[in-house]
Protein backbone atom coordinates (compact mmCIF):
# COMPACT_ATOMS: atom_id res chain seq x y z
CA MET A 1 17.40 8.14 27.75
CA ALA A 2 16.41 5.06 27.08
CA GLU A 3 14.06 3.82 24.32
CA ARG A 4 10.69 2.44 24.47
CA PRO A 5 11.02 -1.09 22.55
CA ASP A 6 8.88 -1.37 19.40
CA ALA A 7 5.88 -1.15 19.00
CA ASP A 8 5.76 -4.69 17.14
CA THR A 9 7.28 -6.14 19.66
CA ASN A 10 4.25 -8.02 21.65
CA SER A 11 6.52 -10.32 24.00
CA THR A 12 6.20 -9.58 27.67
CA GLU A 13 9.94 -9.63 27.85
CA ALA A 14 10.41 -6.91 25.96
CA LYS A 15 7.54 -4.86 27.83
CA SER A 16 9.12 -5.44 31.53
CA ASP A 17 12.60 -4.94 30.22
CA TYR A 18 11.57 -1.11 31.13
CA VAL A 19 9.56 0.86 33.49
CA THR A 20 8.01 4.66 33.11
CA LEU A 21 8.29 7.35 35.52
CA ILE A 22 5.75 10.12 34.95
CA SER A 23 6.90 13.18 36.15
CA SER A 24 4.45 15.54 38.71
CA ASP A 25 4.78 17.52 35.08
CA GLY A 26 3.29 14.77 32.70
CA ILE A 27 6.70 13.85 31.41
CA GLU A 28 7.74 10.40 31.14
CA PHE A 29 11.09 8.50 31.11
CA ILE A 30 12.15 5.31 30.16
CA ILE A 31 14.26 3.83 31.87
CA HIS A 32 15.58 0.03 31.52
CA ARG A 33 14.25 -1.23 34.83
CA GLU A 34 18.10 -2.73 35.79
CA ALA A 35 19.20 0.93 36.63
CA ALA A 36 15.49 1.94 37.51
CA MET A 37 16.13 -1.19 41.08
CA ARG A 38 18.75 0.31 41.41
CA SER A 39 16.19 3.07 43.95
CA GLY A 40 15.18 1.14 46.99
CA THR A 41 11.75 2.41 46.71
CA ILE A 42 11.15 1.37 42.79
CA LYS A 43 12.54 -1.82 43.62
CA ASN A 44 9.83 -2.74 45.71
CA MET A 45 7.71 -0.78 43.84
CA LEU A 46 8.30 -3.38 40.76
CA SER A 47 9.03 -6.54 43.07
CA GLY A 48 8.22 -5.64 46.59
CA PRO A 49 6.11 -8.87 48.40
CA VAL A 50 2.50 -6.63 47.97
CA GLN A 51 2.22 -6.39 43.87
CA PHE A 52 1.60 -2.67 43.37
CA ARG A 53 -0.04 -2.16 39.86
CA GLU A 54 3.47 -0.96 38.88
CA SER A 55 4.54 -3.33 38.72
CA LEU A 56 1.75 -4.81 36.40
CA GLU A 57 1.58 -1.59 34.09
CA ASN A 58 5.68 -0.82 34.57
CA VAL A 59 4.46 2.61 35.38
CA ILE A 60 4.99 4.36 37.85
CA PRO A 61 4.15 8.45 38.70
CA PHE A 62 5.55 10.40 40.72
CA HIS A 63 3.11 13.68 41.36
CA ASP A 64 5.84 15.33 43.82
CA ILE A 65 8.45 15.12 41.18
CA LYS A 66 8.90 18.03 39.19
CA ALA A 67 10.37 17.09 35.71
CA VAL A 68 14.08 18.37 35.56
CA ILE A 69 14.97 16.39 39.29
CA LEU A 70 14.21 12.78 37.44
CA GLU A 71 15.57 13.56 35.13
CA ILE A 72 18.94 14.17 37.93
CA VAL A 73 17.49 11.08 39.46
CA CYS A 74 17.10 9.27 36.15
CA ARG A 75 20.80 9.42 35.02
CA TYR A 76 22.51 8.52 37.98
CA LEU A 77 20.17 4.80 38.75
CA TYR A 78 22.42 5.08 35.28
CA TYR A 79 25.71 5.81 37.09
CA LYS A 80 24.86 3.58 39.99
CA TRP A 81 24.76 0.44 37.99
CA GLN A 82 27.03 2.11 35.71
CA TYR A 83 29.44 1.34 38.23
CA GLU A 84 28.79 -0.63 41.36
CA GLY A 85 31.45 -2.29 41.59
CA SER A 86 33.71 -0.92 40.44
CA VAL A 87 37.29 -1.85 40.79
CA THR A 88 38.42 1.01 38.74
CA GLU A 89 38.29 4.82 39.68
CA ILE A 90 34.31 5.71 39.95
CA PRO A 91 34.20 10.01 37.60
CA GLU A 92 31.90 12.43 40.19
CA PHE A 93 28.62 12.88 38.77
CA LYS A 94 27.27 16.26 38.74
CA ILE A 95 24.62 18.73 39.65
CA ASP A 96 24.50 21.55 39.18
CA PRO A 97 24.65 23.85 41.90
CA GLU A 98 21.19 24.70 41.76
CA MET A 99 19.38 21.27 42.14
CA VAL A 100 21.67 19.33 44.72
CA LEU A 101 19.49 20.42 48.12
CA GLU A 102 15.85 18.90 45.32
CA THR A 103 17.76 15.66 43.93
CA LEU A 104 18.77 14.90 47.74
CA MET A 105 15.12 15.16 48.95
CA THR A 106 13.90 13.29 46.24
CA ALA A 107 17.40 10.53 46.36
CA ASP A 108 16.14 10.35 50.34
CA PHE A 109 12.96 9.75 48.87
CA LEU A 110 13.77 7.45 46.31
CA ASP A 111 16.38 5.07 48.55
CA CYS A 112 19.11 5.66 45.41
């Protein structure tokens, strides 16, 4: 996953470049804001007409999503960001078969 900007960096721009997604088991995933915006649900939280606390703090806790599933979602958001609008052949996004159902349910909830 993407790394946090240096702790010494105090600019608002650097802080807003990344979003922290927190799983139900407390694992933090720091991803680029542009990748996170590929989820309709996250996009609404970060930039919707209503100012959610998440948009101010750039931290989104997911109380019902386990880390193992949130990690797959984060990888997919980067995959979607990378290949969005691509004119070349897009490689398959692989998921372990035992994770497919829970991942699909989560992806449906997150609209991604």
